[in-house]
Amino acid sequence: MPVVVNGEAHPWREGLTVEGLLAEKKYTYPLKIVILNGARVPRPEWPTRTVEDGDKVDVIHMMTGG
């Protein structure tokens, strides 16, 4: 079963981390928030927090400007 990232299916693999998922999706914008199954994942946890089969992930890019 794939994970759902921002409403779209993405292939899941064993050991997939939040950081790995962001790299696979090419989400390189520096200001972003990751929501995993409805809970925010703090940035320091991205390299070790695993994404499980069927999880729902929302990545929100924060914009600044004026």
PDB file of N, CA and C in Angstrom:
ATOM      1  N   MET A   1       0.858  -1.177   0.000  1.00  0.00           N
ATOM      2  CA  MET A   1       0.000   0.000   0.000  1.00  0.00           C
ATOM      3  C   MET A   1       0.901   1.237   0.000  1.00  0.00           C
ATOM      4  N   PRO A   2       0.598   2.223  -0.823  1.00  0.00           N
ATOM      5  CA  PRO A   2       1.444   3.412  -0.860  1.00  0.00           C
ATOM      6  C   PRO A   2       1.143   4.353   0.309  1.00  0.00           C
ATOM      7  N   VAL A   3       2.061   5.283   0.532  1.00  0.00           N
ATOM      8  CA  VAL A   3       1.774   6.381   1.446  1.00  0.00           C
ATOM      9  C   VAL A   3       1.083   7.458   0.621  1.00  0.00           C
ATOM     10  N   VAL A   4       0.364   8.325   1.272  1.00  0.00           N
ATOM     11  CA  VAL A   4      -0.314   9.424   0.585  1.00  0.00           C
ATOM     12  C   VAL A   4       0.388  10.711   0.985  1.00  0.00           C
ATOM     13  N   VAL A   5       0.954  11.392  -0.006  1.00  0.00           N
ATOM     14  CA  VAL A   5       1.694  12.626   0.231  1.00  0.00           C
ATOM     15  C   VAL A   5       0.965  13.765  -0.465  1.00  0.00           C
ATOM     16  N   ASN A   6       0.480  14.703   0.329  1.00  0.00           N
ATOM     17  CA  ASN A   6      -0.279  15.837  -0.208  1.00  0.00           C
ATOM     18  C   ASN A   6      -1.380  15.367  -1.162  1.00  0.00           C
ATOM     19  N   GLY A   7      -2.047  14.293  -0.780  1.00  0.00           N
ATOM     20  CA  GLY A   7      -3.185  13.806  -1.543  1.00  0.00           C
ATOM     21  C   GLY A   7      -2.847  12.871  -2.690  1.00  0.00           C
ATOM     22  N   GLU A   8      -1.557  12.590  -2.928  1.00  0.00           N
ATOM     23  CA  GLU A   8      -1.160  11.733  -4.036  1.00  0.00           C
ATOM     24  C   GLU A   8      -0.434  10.498  -3.514  1.00  0.00           C
ATOM     25  N   ALA A   9      -0.672   9.361  -4.147  1.00  0.00           N
ATOM     26  CA  ALA A   9      -0.012   8.115  -3.758  1.00  0.00           C
ATOM     27  C   ALA A   9       1.476   8.185  -4.077  1.00  0.00           C
ATOM     28  N   HIS A  10       2.285   7.642  -3.175  1.00  0.00           N
ATOM     29  CA  HIS A  10       3.739   7.559  -3.368  1.00  0.00           C
ATOM     30  C   HIS A  10       4.170   6.182  -2.896  1.00  0.00           C
ATOM     31  N   PRO A  11       5.035   5.505  -3.661  1.00  0.00           N
ATOM     32  CA  PRO A  11       5.443   4.149  -3.269  1.00  0.00           C
ATOM     33  C   PRO A  11       6.116   4.124  -1.895  1.00  0.00           C
ATOM     34  N   TRP A  12       5.744   3.133  -1.105  1.00  0.00           N
ATOM     35  CA  TRP A  12       6.340   2.950   0.215  1.00  0.00           C
ATOM     36  C   TRP A  12       7.399   1.874   0.120  1.00  0.00           C
ATOM     37  N   ARG A  13       8.457   2.012   0.942  1.00  0.00           N
ATOM     38  CA  ARG A  13       9.472   0.969   1.053  1.00  0.00           C
ATOM     39  C   ARG A  13       9.899   0.875   2.509  1.00  0.00           C
ATOM     40  N   GLU A  14      10.371  -0.269   2.898  1.00  0.00           N
ATOM     41  CA  GLU A  14      10.835  -0.508   4.266  1.00  0.00           C
ATOM     42  C   GLU A  14      11.944   0.487   4.618  1.00  0.00           C
ATOM     43  N   GLY A  15      11.859   1.089   5.797  1.00  0.00           N
ATOM     44  CA  GLY A  15      12.895   1.999   6.272  1.00  0.00           C
ATOM     45  C   GLY A  15      12.781   3.424   5.760  1.00  0.00           C
ATOM     46  N   LEU A  16      11.703   3.744   5.061  1.00  0.00           N
ATOM     47  CA  LEU A  16      11.526   5.091   4.533  1.00  0.00           C
ATOM     48  C   LEU A  16      11.372   6.083   5.687  1.00  0.00           C
ATOM     49  N   THR A  17      12.199   7.122   5.695  1.00  0.00           N
ATOM     50  CA  THR A  17      12.112   8.153   6.718  1.00  0.00           C
ATOM     51  C   THR A  17      11.452   9.394   6.134  1.00  0.00           C
ATOM     52  N   VAL A  18      11.059  10.300   7.009  1.00  0.00           N
ATOM     53  CA  VAL A  18      10.491  11.571   6.550  1.00  0.00           C
ATOM     54  C   VAL A  18      11.503  12.278   5.652  1.00  0.00           C
ATOM     55  N   GLU A  19      12.764  12.337   6.085  1.00  0.00           N
ATOM     56  CA  GLU A  19      13.797  12.994   5.295  1.00  0.00           C
ATOM     57  C   GLU A  19      13.971  12.320   3.933  1.00  0.00           C
ATOM     58  N   GLY A  20      13.957  10.995   3.907  1.00  0.00           N
ATOM     59  CA  GLY A  20      14.064  10.266   2.650  1.00  0.00           C
ATOM     60  C   GLY A  20      12.885  10.526   1.733  1.00  0.00           C
ATOM     61  N   LEU A  21      11.698  10.582   2.297  1.00  0.00           N
ATOM     62  CA  LEU A  21      10.502  10.866   1.504  1.00  0.00           C
ATOM     63  C   LEU A  21      10.582  12.260   0.892  1.00  0.00           C
ATOM     64  N   LEU A  22      11.002  13.244   1.678  1.00  0.00           N
ATOM     65  CA  LEU A  22      11.137  14.603   1.155  1.00  0.00           C
ATOM     66  C   LEU A  22      12.140  14.641   0.006  1.00  0.00           C
ATOM     67  N   ALA A  23      13.225  13.895   0.129  1.00  0.00           N
ATOM     68  CA  ALA A  23      14.224  13.844  -0.939  1.00  0.00           C
ATOM     69  C   ALA A  23      13.655  13.175  -2.191  1.00  0.00           C
ATOM     70  N   GLU A  24      12.923  12.075  -2.008  1.00  0.00           N
ATOM     71  CA  GLU A  24      12.325  11.381  -3.147  1.00  0.00           C
ATOM     72  C   GLU A  24      11.332  12.274  -3.879  1.00  0.00           C
ATOM     73  N   LYS A  25      10.586  13.074  -3.120  1.00  0.00           N
ATOM     74  CA  LYS A  25       9.593  13.968  -3.725  1.00  0.00           C
ATOM     75  C   LYS A  25      10.225  15.274  -4.220  1.00  0.00           C
ATOM     76  N   LYS A  26      11.538  15.447  -3.945  1.00  0.00           N
ATOM     77  CA  LYS A  26      12.268  16.653  -4.344  1.00  0.00           C
ATOM     78  C   LYS A  26      11.689  17.913  -3.698  1.00  0.00           C
ATOM     79  N   TYR A  27      11.261  17.768  -2.445  1.00  0.00           N
ATOM     80  CA  TYR A  27      10.764  18.903  -1.671  1.00  0.00           C
ATOM     81  C   TYR A  27      11.965  19.539  -0.972  1.00  0.00           C
ATOM     82  N   THR A  28      12.636  20.438  -1.663  1.00  0.00           N
ATOM     83  CA  THR A  28      13.869  21.029  -1.155  1.00  0.00           C
ATOM     84  C   THR A  28      13.682  22.438  -0.607  1.00  0.00           C
ATOM     85  N   TYR A  29      12.499  22.988  -0.714  1.00  0.00           N
ATOM     86  CA  TYR A  29      12.265  24.336  -0.198  1.00  0.00           C
ATOM     87  C   TYR A  29      12.617  24.349   1.296  1.00  0.00           C
ATOM     88  N   PRO A  30      13.401  25.321   1.757  1.00  0.00           N
ATOM     89  CA  PRO A  30      13.928  25.264   3.130  1.00  0.00           C
ATOM     90  C   PRO A  30      12.898  25.435   4.247  1.00  0.00           C
ATOM     91  N   LEU A  31      11.836  26.171   4.008  1.00  0.00           N
ATOM     92  CA  LEU A  31      10.841  26.414   5.055  1.00  0.00           C
ATOM     93  C   LEU A  31       9.625  25.530   4.821  1.00  0.00           C
ATOM     94  N   LYS A  32       9.552  24.444   5.578  1.00  0.00           N
ATOM     95  CA  LYS A  32       8.410  23.535   5.412  1.00  0.00           C
ATOM     96  C   LYS A  32       8.062  22.883   6.741  1.00  0.00           C
ATOM     97  N   ILE A  33       6.833  22.423   6.815  1.00  0.00           N
ATOM     98  CA  ILE A  33       6.316  21.695   7.973  1.00  0.00           C
ATOM     99  C   ILE A  33       5.836  20.346   7.467  1.00  0.00           C
ATOM    100  N   VAL A  34       6.099  19.299   8.242  1.00  0.00           N
ATOM    101  CA  VAL A  34       5.640  17.958   7.877  1.00  0.00           C
ATOM    102  C   VAL A  34       4.606  17.502   8.902  1.00  0.00           C
ATOM    103  N   ILE A  35       3.453  17.086   8.399  1.00  0.00           N
ATOM    104  CA  ILE A  35       2.374  16.542   9.216  1.00  0.00           C
ATOM    105  C   ILE A  35       2.247  15.066   8.855  1.00  0.00           C
ATOM    106  N   LEU A  36       2.421  14.190   9.840  1.00  0.00           N
ATOM    107  CA  LEU A  36       2.341  12.746   9.624  1.00  0.00           C
ATOM    108  C   LEU A  36       1.141  12.220  10.396  1.00  0.00           C
ATOM    109  N   ASN A  37       0.141  11.752   9.668  1.00  0.00           N
ATOM    110  CA  ASN A  37      -1.093  11.232  10.280  1.00  0.00           C
ATOM    111  C   ASN A  37      -1.700  12.225  11.258  1.00  0.00           C
ATOM    112  N   GLY A  38      -1.701  13.497  10.886  1.00  0.00           N
ATOM    113  CA  GLY A  38      -2.350  14.528  11.688  1.00  0.00           C
ATOM    114  C   GLY A  38      -1.499  15.155  12.773  1.00  0.00           C
ATOM    115  N   ALA A  39      -0.249  14.726  12.942  1.00  0.00           N
ATOM    116  CA  ALA A  39       0.625  15.279  13.983  1.00  0.00           C
ATOM    117  C   ALA A  39       1.890  15.843  13.340  1.00  0.00           C
ATOM    118  N   ARG A  40       2.270  17.039  13.770  1.00  0.00           N
ATOM    119  CA  ARG A  40       3.479  17.671  13.232  1.00  0.00           C
ATOM    120  C   ARG A  40       4.713  16.897  13.670  1.00  0.00           C
ATOM    121  N   VAL A  41       5.635  16.714  12.736  1.00  0.00           N
ATOM    122  CA  VAL A  41       6.904  16.043  13.031  1.00  0.00           C
ATOM    123  C   VAL A  41       7.980  17.125  13.143  1.00  0.00           C
ATOM    124  N   PRO A  42       8.599  17.278  14.315  1.00  0.00           N
ATOM    125  CA  PRO A  42       9.662  18.276  14.462  1.00  0.00           C
ATOM    126  C   PRO A  42      10.837  17.990  13.516  1.00  0.00           C
ATOM    127  N   ARG A  43      11.419  19.027  12.964  1.00  0.00           N
ATOM    128  CA  ARG A  43      12.511  18.893  11.998  1.00  0.00           C
ATOM    129  C   ARG A  43      13.654  17.988  12.499  1.00  0.00           C
ATOM    130  N   PRO A  44      14.074  18.068  13.773  1.00  0.00           N
ATOM    131  CA  PRO A  44      15.169  17.190  14.213  1.00  0.00           C
ATOM    132  C   PRO A  44      14.843  15.695  14.114  1.00  0.00           C
ATOM    133  N   GLU A  45      13.560  15.349  14.032  1.00  0.00           N
ATOM    134  CA  GLU A  45      13.156  13.943  13.944  1.00  0.00           C
ATOM    135  C   GLU A  45      13.069  13.430  12.501  1.00  0.00           C
ATOM    136  N   TRP A  46      13.167  14.293  11.509  1.00  0.00           N
ATOM    137  CA  TRP A  46      13.006  13.876  10.116  1.00  0.00           C
ATOM    138  C   TRP A  46      13.956  12.763   9.698  1.00  0.00           C
ATOM    139  N   PRO A  47      15.237  12.805  10.101  1.00  0.00           N
ATOM    140  CA  PRO A  47      16.146  11.738   9.648  1.00  0.00           C
ATOM    141  C   PRO A  47      15.835  10.361  10.246  1.00  0.00           C
ATOM    142  N   THR A  48      15.162  10.317  11.385  1.00  0.00           N
ATOM    143  CA  THR A  48      14.933   9.031  12.049  1.00  0.00           C
ATOM    144  C   THR A  48      13.470   8.597  12.101  1.00  0.00           C
ATOM    145  N   ARG A  49      12.544   9.506  11.901  1.00  0.00           N
ATOM    146  CA  ARG A  49      11.114   9.160  11.956  1.00  0.00           C
ATOM    147  C   ARG A  49      10.742   8.390  10.709  1.00  0.00           C
ATOM    148  N   THR A  50      10.283   7.179  10.890  1.00  0.00           N
ATOM    149  CA  THR A  50       9.925   6.353   9.739  1.00  0.00           C
ATOM    150  C   THR A  50       8.486   6.605   9.315  1.00  0.00           C
ATOM    151  N   VAL A  51       8.270   6.440   8.031  1.00  0.00           N
ATOM    152  CA  VAL A  51       6.942   6.537   7.435  1.00  0.00           C
ATOM    153  C   VAL A  51       6.498   5.102   7.177  1.00  0.00           C
ATOM    154  N   GLU A  52       5.339   4.756   7.704  1.00  0.00           N
ATOM    155  CA  GLU A  52       4.842   3.383   7.587  1.00  0.00           C
ATOM    156  C   GLU A  52       3.902   3.237   6.399  1.00  0.00           C
ATOM    157  N   ASP A  53       3.752   2.025   5.965  1.00  0.00           N
ATOM    158  CA  ASP A  53       2.864   1.679   4.867  1.00  0.00           C
ATOM    159  C   ASP A  53       1.458   2.225   5.140  1.00  0.00           C
ATOM    160  N   GLY A  54       0.919   3.014   4.223  1.00  0.00           N
ATOM    161  CA  GLY A  54      -0.430   3.541   4.350  1.00  0.00           C
ATOM    162  C   GLY A  54      -0.539   4.861   5.095  1.00  0.00           C
ATOM    163  N   ASP A  55       0.585   5.423   5.567  1.00  0.00           N
ATOM    164  CA  ASP A  55       0.542   6.695   6.288  1.00  0.00           C
ATOM    165  C   ASP A  55       0.108   7.840   5.381  1.00  0.00           C
ATOM    166  N   LYS A  56      -0.419   8.878   6.007  1.00  0.00           N
ATOM    167  CA  LYS A  56      -0.797  10.104   5.301  1.00  0.00           C
ATOM    168  C   LYS A  56       0.179  11.194   5.716  1.00  0.00           C
ATOM    169  N   VAL A  57       0.827  11.801   4.729  1.00  0.00           N
ATOM    170  CA  VAL A  57       1.826  12.844   4.973  1.00  0.00           C
ATOM    171  C   VAL A  57       1.399  14.114   4.246  1.00  0.00           C
ATOM    172  N   ASP A  58       1.423  15.214   4.971  1.00  0.00           N
ATOM    173  CA  ASP A  58       1.182  16.525   4.370  1.00  0.00           C
ATOM    174  C   ASP A  58       2.441  17.344   4.557  1.00  0.00           C
ATOM    175  N   VAL A  59       2.921  17.939   3.466  1.00  0.00           N
ATOM    176  CA  VAL A  59       4.087  18.813   3.508  1.00  0.00           C
ATOM    177  C   VAL A  59       3.607  20.198   3.133  1.00  0.00           C
ATOM    178  N   ILE A  60       3.829  21.126   4.035  1.00  0.00           N
ATOM    179  CA  ILE A  60       3.369  22.502   3.839  1.00  0.00           C
ATOM    180  C   ILE A  60       4.581  23.390   3.683  1.00  0.00           C
ATOM    181  N   HIS A  61       4.698  24.028   2.538  1.00  0.00           N
ATOM    182  CA  HIS A  61       5.797  24.962   2.307  1.00  0.00           C
ATOM    183  C   HIS A  61       5.386  26.320   2.846  1.00  0.00           C
ATOM    184  N   MET A  62       6.213  26.863   3.723  1.00  0.00           N
ATOM    185  CA  MET A  62       5.951  28.167   4.320  1.00  0.00           C
ATOM    186  C   MET A  62       6.537  29.249   3.413  1.00  0.00           C
ATOM    187  N   MET A  63       5.780  30.284   3.199  1.00  0.00           N
ATOM    188  CA  MET A  63       6.225  31.380   2.323  1.00  0.00           C
ATOM    189  C   MET A  63       6.360  32.642   3.160  1.00  0.00           C
ATOM    190  N   THR A  64       7.358  33.418   2.869  1.00  0.00           N
ATOM    191  CA  THR A  64       7.504  34.715   3.500  1.00  0.00           C
ATOM    192  C   THR A  64       7.599  35.757   2.404  1.00  0.00           C
ATOM    193  N   GLY A  65       7.425  36.950   2.768  1.00  0.00           N
ATOM    194  CA  GLY A  65       7.526  38.007   1.767  1.00  0.00           C
ATOM    195  C   GLY A  65       6.765  39.238   2.223  1.00  0.00           C
ATOM    196  N   GLY A  66       6.683  40.134   1.336  1.00  0.00           N
ATOM    197  CA  GLY A  66       5.991  41.361   1.695  1.00  0.00           C
ATOM    198  C   GLY A  66       5.765  42.228   0.500  1.00  0.00           C
TER     199      GLY A  66
END
